[in-house]
Amino acid sequence: MTEHTEIFSLESEYIALCDLLKCCGVAQTGGHAKLMISNGEVFVNQQVEQRKTAKIRAGSVVSGEHFCIQVQ
């Protein structure tokens, strides 16, 4: 499986982590996104992030197995 790399442009100050995963197609549903986060499968700036609604701001890199999202 190839890595899904994407640049996401914010339209506001921040986006909730679970919403970002859903918007970028990493997770099929919000519930799937929350499960990925609670299972420790999602990293924000190379640190495991387990807060489902963590505020992701411009300059952050959200990654996991087979995906990388650069937030602008």
PDB file of N, CA and C in Angstrom:
ATOM      1  N   MET A   1       0.834  -1.179   0.000  1.00  0.00           N
ATOM      2  CA  MET A   1       0.000   0.000   0.000  1.00  0.00           C
ATOM      3  C   MET A   1       0.878   1.242   0.000  1.00  0.00           C
ATOM      4  N   THR A   2       0.549   2.220  -0.842  1.00  0.00           N
ATOM      5  CA  THR A   2       1.356   3.425  -0.924  1.00  0.00           C
ATOM      6  C   THR A   2       0.931   4.441   0.128  1.00  0.00           C
ATOM      7  N   GLU A   3       1.830   5.345   0.427  1.00  0.00           N
ATOM      8  CA  GLU A   3       1.532   6.362   1.431  1.00  0.00           C
ATOM      9  C   GLU A   3       0.674   7.464   0.822  1.00  0.00           C
ATOM     10  N   HIS A   4      -0.344   7.857   1.540  1.00  0.00           N
ATOM     11  CA  HIS A   4      -1.251   8.934   1.146  1.00  0.00           C
ATOM     12  C   HIS A   4      -0.680  10.219   1.724  1.00  0.00           C
ATOM     13  N   THR A   5      -0.146  11.100   0.862  1.00  0.00           N
ATOM     14  CA  THR A   5       0.414  12.364   1.320  1.00  0.00           C
ATOM     15  C   THR A   5      -0.445  13.493   0.787  1.00  0.00           C
ATOM     16  N   GLU A   6      -0.774  14.435   1.640  1.00  0.00           N
ATOM     17  CA  GLU A   6      -1.680  15.504   1.257  1.00  0.00           C
ATOM     18  C   GLU A   6      -1.323  16.788   1.976  1.00  0.00           C
ATOM     19  N   ILE A   7      -1.597  17.904   1.312  1.00  0.00           N
ATOM     20  CA  ILE A   7      -1.477  19.216   1.937  1.00  0.00           C
ATOM     21  C   ILE A   7      -2.892  19.714   2.173  1.00  0.00           C
ATOM     22  N   PHE A   8      -3.196  20.074   3.405  1.00  0.00           N
ATOM     23  CA  PHE A   8      -4.533  20.536   3.781  1.00  0.00           C
ATOM     24  C   PHE A   8      -4.449  22.005   4.145  1.00  0.00           C
ATOM     25  N   SER A   9      -5.246  22.835   3.485  1.00  0.00           N
ATOM     26  CA  SER A   9      -5.269  24.276   3.763  1.00  0.00           C
ATOM     27  C   SER A   9      -6.415  24.599   4.712  1.00  0.00           C
ATOM     28  N   LEU A  10      -6.073  25.149   5.845  1.00  0.00           N
ATOM     29  CA  LEU A  10      -7.076  25.524   6.839  1.00  0.00           C
ATOM     30  C   LEU A  10      -7.912  26.701   6.348  1.00  0.00           C
ATOM     31  N   GLU A  11      -9.195  26.671   6.674  1.00  0.00           N
ATOM     32  CA  GLU A  11     -10.079  27.789   6.354  1.00  0.00           C
ATOM     33  C   GLU A  11     -10.420  28.579   7.609  1.00  0.00           C
ATOM     34  N   SER A  12      -9.943  28.109   8.760  1.00  0.00           N
ATOM     35  CA  SER A  12     -10.143  28.796  10.032  1.00  0.00           C
ATOM     36  C   SER A  12      -8.867  28.641  10.851  1.00  0.00           C
ATOM     37  N   GLU A  13      -8.918  29.012  12.121  1.00  0.00           N
ATOM     38  CA  GLU A  13      -7.724  28.967  12.972  1.00  0.00           C
ATOM     39  C   GLU A  13      -7.213  27.543  13.192  1.00  0.00           C
ATOM     40  N   TYR A  14      -8.142  26.585  13.288  1.00  0.00           N
ATOM     41  CA  TYR A  14      -7.754  25.194  13.541  1.00  0.00           C
ATOM     42  C   TYR A  14      -8.862  24.263  13.058  1.00  0.00           C
ATOM     43  N   ILE A  15      -8.540  22.949  13.050  1.00  0.00           N
ATOM     44  CA  ILE A  15      -9.518  21.914  12.758  1.00  0.00           C
ATOM     45  C   ILE A  15      -9.314  20.797  13.782  1.00  0.00           C
ATOM     46  N   ALA A  16     -10.400  20.185  14.209  1.00  0.00           N
ATOM     47  CA  ALA A  16     -10.297  19.062  15.150  1.00  0.00           C
ATOM     48  C   ALA A  16      -9.633  17.883  14.442  1.00  0.00           C
ATOM     49  N   LEU A  17      -8.791  17.165  15.150  1.00  0.00           N
ATOM     50  CA  LEU A  17      -8.051  16.053  14.573  1.00  0.00           C
ATOM     51  C   LEU A  17      -8.968  15.037  13.904  1.00  0.00           C
ATOM     52  N   CYS A  18     -10.042  14.630  14.567  1.00  0.00           N
ATOM     53  CA  CYS A  18     -10.942  13.630  13.978  1.00  0.00           C
ATOM     54  C   CYS A  18     -11.587  14.155  12.694  1.00  0.00           C
ATOM     55  N   ASP A  19     -11.901  15.458  12.647  1.00  0.00           N
ATOM     56  CA  ASP A  19     -12.484  16.049  11.437  1.00  0.00           C
ATOM     57  C   ASP A  19     -11.470  16.091  10.298  1.00  0.00           C
ATOM     58  N   LEU A  20     -10.215  16.365  10.620  1.00  0.00           N
ATOM     59  CA  LEU A  20      -9.157  16.406   9.608  1.00  0.00           C
ATOM     60  C   LEU A  20      -8.996  15.043   8.940  1.00  0.00           C
ATOM     61  N   LEU A  21      -8.952  13.981   9.749  1.00  0.00           N
ATOM     62  CA  LEU A  21      -8.789  12.635   9.199  1.00  0.00           C
ATOM     63  C   LEU A  21      -9.947  12.276   8.268  1.00  0.00           C
ATOM     64  N   LYS A  22     -11.140  12.680   8.646  1.00  0.00           N
ATOM     65  CA  LYS A  22     -12.313  12.405   7.821  1.00  0.00           C
ATOM     66  C   LYS A  22     -12.286  13.243   6.537  1.00  0.00           C
ATOM     67  N   CYS A  23     -11.970  14.521   6.647  1.00  0.00           N
ATOM     68  CA  CYS A  23     -11.927  15.417   5.476  1.00  0.00           C
ATOM     69  C   CYS A  23     -10.900  14.964   4.441  1.00  0.00           C
ATOM     70  N   CYS A  24      -9.791  14.447   4.910  1.00  0.00           N
ATOM     71  CA  CYS A  24      -8.713  14.044   4.004  1.00  0.00           C
ATOM     72  C   CYS A  24      -8.876  12.618   3.482  1.00  0.00           C
ATOM     73  N   GLY A  25      -9.904  11.934   3.913  1.00  0.00           N
ATOM     74  CA  GLY A  25     -10.155  10.588   3.418  1.00  0.00           C
ATOM     75  C   GLY A  25      -9.313   9.504   4.068  1.00  0.00           C
ATOM     76  N   VAL A  26      -8.629   9.837   5.145  1.00  0.00           N
ATOM     77  CA  VAL A  26      -7.837   8.839   5.874  1.00  0.00           C
ATOM     78  C   VAL A  26      -8.781   7.894   6.614  1.00  0.00           C
ATOM     79  N   ALA A  27      -9.835   8.465   7.181  1.00  0.00           N
ATOM     80  CA  ALA A  27     -10.862   7.687   7.877  1.00  0.00           C
ATOM     81  C   ALA A  27     -12.162   7.791   7.082  1.00  0.00           C
ATOM     82  N   GLN A  28     -12.895   6.692   7.024  1.00  0.00           N
ATOM     83  CA  GLN A  28     -14.142   6.680   6.261  1.00  0.00           C
ATOM     84  C   GLN A  28     -15.256   7.424   6.969  1.00  0.00           C
ATOM     85  N   THR A  29     -15.257   7.403   8.299  1.00  0.00           N
ATOM     86  CA  THR A  29     -16.282   8.075   9.099  1.00  0.00           C
ATOM     87  C   THR A  29     -15.628   8.738  10.299  1.00  0.00           C
ATOM     88  N   GLY A  30     -16.399   9.580  10.975  1.00  0.00           N
ATOM     89  CA  GLY A  30     -15.894  10.188  12.198  1.00  0.00           C
ATOM     90  C   GLY A  30     -15.596   9.151  13.270  1.00  0.00           C
ATOM     91  N   GLY A  31     -16.434   8.110  13.329  1.00  0.00           N
ATOM     92  CA  GLY A  31     -16.210   7.036  14.298  1.00  0.00           C
ATOM     93  C   GLY A  31     -14.922   6.283  14.019  1.00  0.00           C
ATOM     94  N   HIS A  32     -14.638   6.062  12.735  1.00  0.00           N
ATOM     95  CA  HIS A  32     -13.393   5.388  12.342  1.00  0.00           C
ATOM     96  C   HIS A  32     -12.196   6.252  12.743  1.00  0.00           C
ATOM     97  N   ALA A  33     -12.303   7.575  12.520  1.00  0.00           N
ATOM     98  CA  ALA A  33     -11.223   8.492  12.888  1.00  0.00           C
ATOM     99  C   ALA A  33     -10.968   8.442  14.392  1.00  0.00           C
ATOM    100  N   LYS A  34     -12.033   8.468  15.175  1.00  0.00           N
ATOM    101  CA  LYS A  34     -11.891   8.440  16.635  1.00  0.00           C
ATOM    102  C   LYS A  34     -11.278   7.133  17.112  1.00  0.00           C
ATOM    103  N   LEU A  35     -11.617   6.030  16.459  1.00  0.00           N
ATOM    104  CA  LEU A  35     -11.034   4.729  16.804  1.00  0.00           C
ATOM    105  C   LEU A  35      -9.536   4.712  16.504  1.00  0.00           C
ATOM    106  N   MET A  36      -9.151   5.238  15.342  1.00  0.00           N
ATOM    107  CA  MET A  36      -7.725   5.313  14.986  1.00  0.00           C
ATOM    108  C   MET A  36      -6.954   6.117  16.033  1.00  0.00           C
ATOM    109  N   ILE A  37      -7.535   7.235  16.451  1.00  0.00           N
ATOM    110  CA  ILE A  37      -6.871   8.109  17.422  1.00  0.00           C
ATOM    111  C   ILE A  37      -6.755   7.410  18.775  1.00  0.00           C
ATOM    112  N   SER A  38      -7.842   6.810  19.250  1.00  0.00           N
ATOM    113  CA  SER A  38      -7.808   6.163  20.568  1.00  0.00           C
ATOM    114  C   SER A  38      -6.892   4.942  20.589  1.00  0.00           C
ATOM    115  N   ASN A  39      -6.686   4.331  19.425  1.00  0.00           N
ATOM    116  CA  ASN A  39      -5.773   3.185  19.329  1.00  0.00           C
ATOM    117  C   ASN A  39      -4.305   3.602  19.228  1.00  0.00           C
ATOM    118  N   GLY A  40      -4.028   4.905  19.227  1.00  0.00           N
ATOM    119  CA  GLY A  40      -2.640   5.387  19.167  1.00  0.00           C
ATOM    120  C   GLY A  40      -2.029   5.289  17.786  1.00  0.00           C
ATOM    121  N   GLU A  41      -2.852   5.291  16.746  1.00  0.00           N
ATOM    122  CA  GLU A  41      -2.372   5.145  15.370  1.00  0.00           C
ATOM    123  C   GLU A  41      -2.069   6.471  14.690  1.00  0.00           C
ATOM    124  N   VAL A  42      -2.321   7.597  15.379  1.00  0.00           N
ATOM    125  CA  VAL A  42      -2.180   8.912  14.757  1.00  0.00           C
ATOM    126  C   VAL A  42      -1.134   9.732  15.505  1.00  0.00           C
ATOM    127  N   PHE A  43      -0.251  10.369  14.738  1.00  0.00           N
ATOM    128  CA  PHE A  43       0.816  11.197  15.292  1.00  0.00           C
ATOM    129  C   PHE A  43       0.620  12.637  14.840  1.00  0.00           C
ATOM    130  N   VAL A  44       0.849  13.573  15.751  1.00  0.00           N
ATOM    131  CA  VAL A  44       0.851  14.993  15.415  1.00  0.00           C
ATOM    132  C   VAL A  44       2.242  15.499  15.743  1.00  0.00           C
ATOM    133  N   ASN A  45       2.932  15.982  14.721  1.00  0.00           N
ATOM    134  CA  ASN A  45       4.320  16.450  14.880  1.00  0.00           C
ATOM    135  C   ASN A  45       5.188  15.388  15.554  1.00  0.00           C
ATOM    136  N   GLN A  46       5.040  14.153  15.095  1.00  0.00           N
ATOM    137  CA  GLN A  46       5.822  12.981  15.511  1.00  0.00           C
ATOM    138  C   GLN A  46       5.550  12.515  16.935  1.00  0.00           C
ATOM    139  N   GLN A  47       4.475  12.996  17.555  1.00  0.00           N
ATOM    140  CA  GLN A  47       4.082  12.560  18.896  1.00  0.00           C
ATOM    141  C   GLN A  47       2.710  11.884  18.806  1.00  0.00           C
ATOM    142  N   VAL A  48       2.540  10.774  19.493  1.00  0.00           N
ATOM    143  CA  VAL A  48       1.235  10.108  19.511  1.00  0.00           C
ATOM    144  C   VAL A  48       0.211  11.081  20.084  1.00  0.00           C
ATOM    145  N   GLU A  49      -0.910  11.210  19.404  1.00  0.00           N
ATOM    146  CA  GLU A  49      -1.984  12.101  19.868  1.00  0.00           C
ATOM    147  C   GLU A  49      -3.236  11.274  20.104  1.00  0.00           C
ATOM    148  N   GLN A  50      -3.748  11.290  21.319  1.00  0.00           N
ATOM    149  CA  GLN A  50      -4.937  10.501  21.632  1.00  0.00           C
ATOM    150  C   GLN A  50      -6.138  11.365  21.998  1.00  0.00           C
ATOM    151  N   ARG A  51      -6.016  12.667  21.839  1.00  0.00           N
ATOM    152  CA  ARG A  51      -7.170  13.556  22.040  1.00  0.00           C
ATOM    153  C   ARG A  51      -7.906  13.655  20.704  1.00  0.00           C
ATOM    154  N   LYS A  52      -9.098  13.151  20.659  1.00  0.00           N
ATOM    155  CA  LYS A  52      -9.853  13.073  19.411  1.00  0.00           C
ATOM    156  C   LYS A  52     -10.122  14.435  18.796  1.00  0.00           C
ATOM    157  N   THR A  53     -10.321  15.438  19.622  1.00  0.00           N
ATOM    158  CA  THR A  53     -10.627  16.774  19.110  1.00  0.00           C
ATOM    159  C   THR A  53      -9.463  17.740  19.306  1.00  0.00           C
ATOM    160  N   ALA A  54      -8.238  17.211  19.311  1.00  0.00           N
ATOM    161  CA  ALA A  54      -7.061  18.070  19.430  1.00  0.00           C
ATOM    162  C   ALA A  54      -7.108  19.122  18.328  1.00  0.00           C
ATOM    163  N   LYS A  55      -6.769  20.358  18.668  1.00  0.00           N
ATOM    164  CA  LYS A  55      -6.804  21.451  17.697  1.00  0.00           C
ATOM    165  C   LYS A  55      -5.554  21.403  16.824  1.00  0.00           C
ATOM    166  N   ILE A  56      -5.765  21.148  15.554  1.00  0.00           N
ATOM    167  CA  ILE A  56      -4.658  21.074  14.603  1.00  0.00           C
ATOM    168  C   ILE A  56      -4.557  22.412  13.891  1.00  0.00           C
ATOM    169  N   ARG A  57      -3.408  23.047  14.022  1.00  0.00           N
ATOM    170  CA  ARG A  57      -3.198  24.381  13.454  1.00  0.00           C
ATOM    171  C   ARG A  57      -2.190  24.333  12.306  1.00  0.00           C
ATOM    172  N   ALA A  58      -2.115  25.430  11.572  1.00  0.00           N
ATOM    173  CA  ALA A  58      -1.168  25.550  10.458  1.00  0.00           C
ATOM    174  C   ALA A  58       0.247  25.240  10.939  1.00  0.00           C
ATOM    175  N   GLY A  59       0.986  24.502  10.132  1.00  0.00           N
ATOM    176  CA  GLY A  59       2.355  24.116  10.456  1.00  0.00           C
ATOM    177  C   GLY A  59       2.468  22.728  11.057  1.00  0.00           C
ATOM    178  N   SER A  60       1.332  22.130  11.399  1.00  0.00           N
ATOM    179  CA  SER A  60       1.337  20.787  11.988  1.00  0.00           C
ATOM    180  C   SER A  60       1.446  19.726  10.895  1.00  0.00           C
ATOM    181  N   VAL A  61       2.029  18.597  11.270  1.00  0.00           N
ATOM    182  CA  VAL A  61       2.086  17.435  10.387  1.00  0.00           C
ATOM    183  C   VAL A  61       1.400  16.289  11.119  1.00  0.00           C
ATOM    184  N   VAL A  62       0.345  15.772  10.497  1.00  0.00           N
ATOM    185  CA  VAL A  62      -0.420  14.661  11.064  1.00  0.00           C
ATOM    186  C   VAL A  62      -0.077  13.429  10.247  1.00  0.00           C
ATOM    187  N   SER A  63       0.336  12.357  10.911  1.00  0.00           N
ATOM    188  CA  SER A  63       0.778  11.179  10.164  1.00  0.00           C
ATOM    189  C   SER A  63       0.358   9.892  10.865  1.00  0.00           C
ATOM    190  N   GLY A  64       0.529   8.818  10.145  1.00  0.00           N
ATOM    191  CA  GLY A  64       0.232   7.488  10.641  1.00  0.00           C
ATOM    192  C   GLY A  64       0.665   6.500   9.572  1.00  0.00           C
ATOM    193  N   GLU A  65       0.286   5.259   9.744  1.00  0.00           N
ATOM    194  CA  GLU A  65       0.645   4.241   8.780  1.00  0.00           C
ATOM    195  C   GLU A  65      -0.027   4.550   7.446  1.00  0.00           C
ATOM    196  N   HIS A  66       0.765   4.771   6.420  1.00  0.00           N
ATOM    197  CA  HIS A  66       0.310   5.003   5.043  1.00  0.00           C
ATOM    198  C   HIS A  66      -0.293   6.380   4.794  1.00  0.00           C
ATOM    199  N   PHE A  67      -0.139   7.350   5.697  1.00  0.00           N
ATOM    200  CA  PHE A  67      -0.620   8.702   5.386  1.00  0.00           C
ATOM    201  C   PHE A  67       0.214   9.776   6.079  1.00  0.00           C
ATOM    202  N   CYS A  68       0.231  10.935   5.467  1.00  0.00           N
ATOM    203  CA  CYS A  68       0.915  12.105   6.012  1.00  0.00           C
ATOM    204  C   CYS A  68       0.145  13.326   5.528  1.00  0.00           C
ATOM    205  N   ILE A  69      -0.271  14.182   6.456  1.00  0.00           N
ATOM    206  CA  ILE A  69      -1.024  15.386   6.105  1.00  0.00           C
ATOM    207  C   ILE A  69      -0.254  16.595   6.628  1.00  0.00           C
ATOM    208  N   GLN A  70       0.118  17.481   5.727  1.00  0.00           N
ATOM    209  CA  GLN A  70       0.771  18.730   6.100  1.00  0.00           C
ATOM    210  C   GLN A  70      -0.302  19.812   6.131  1.00  0.00           C
ATOM    211  N   VAL A  71      -0.452  20.455   7.261  1.00  0.00           N
ATOM    212  CA  VAL A  71      -1.515  21.453   7.441  1.00  0.00           C
ATOM    213  C   VAL A  71      -0.924  22.851   7.232  1.00  0.00           C
ATOM    214  N   GLN A  72      -1.589  23.622   6.390  1.00  0.00           N
ATOM    215  CA  GLN A  72      -1.139  24.992   6.110  1.00  0.00           C
ATOM    216  C   GLN A  72      -2.186  25.979   6.550  1.00  0.00           C
TER     217      GLN A  72
END
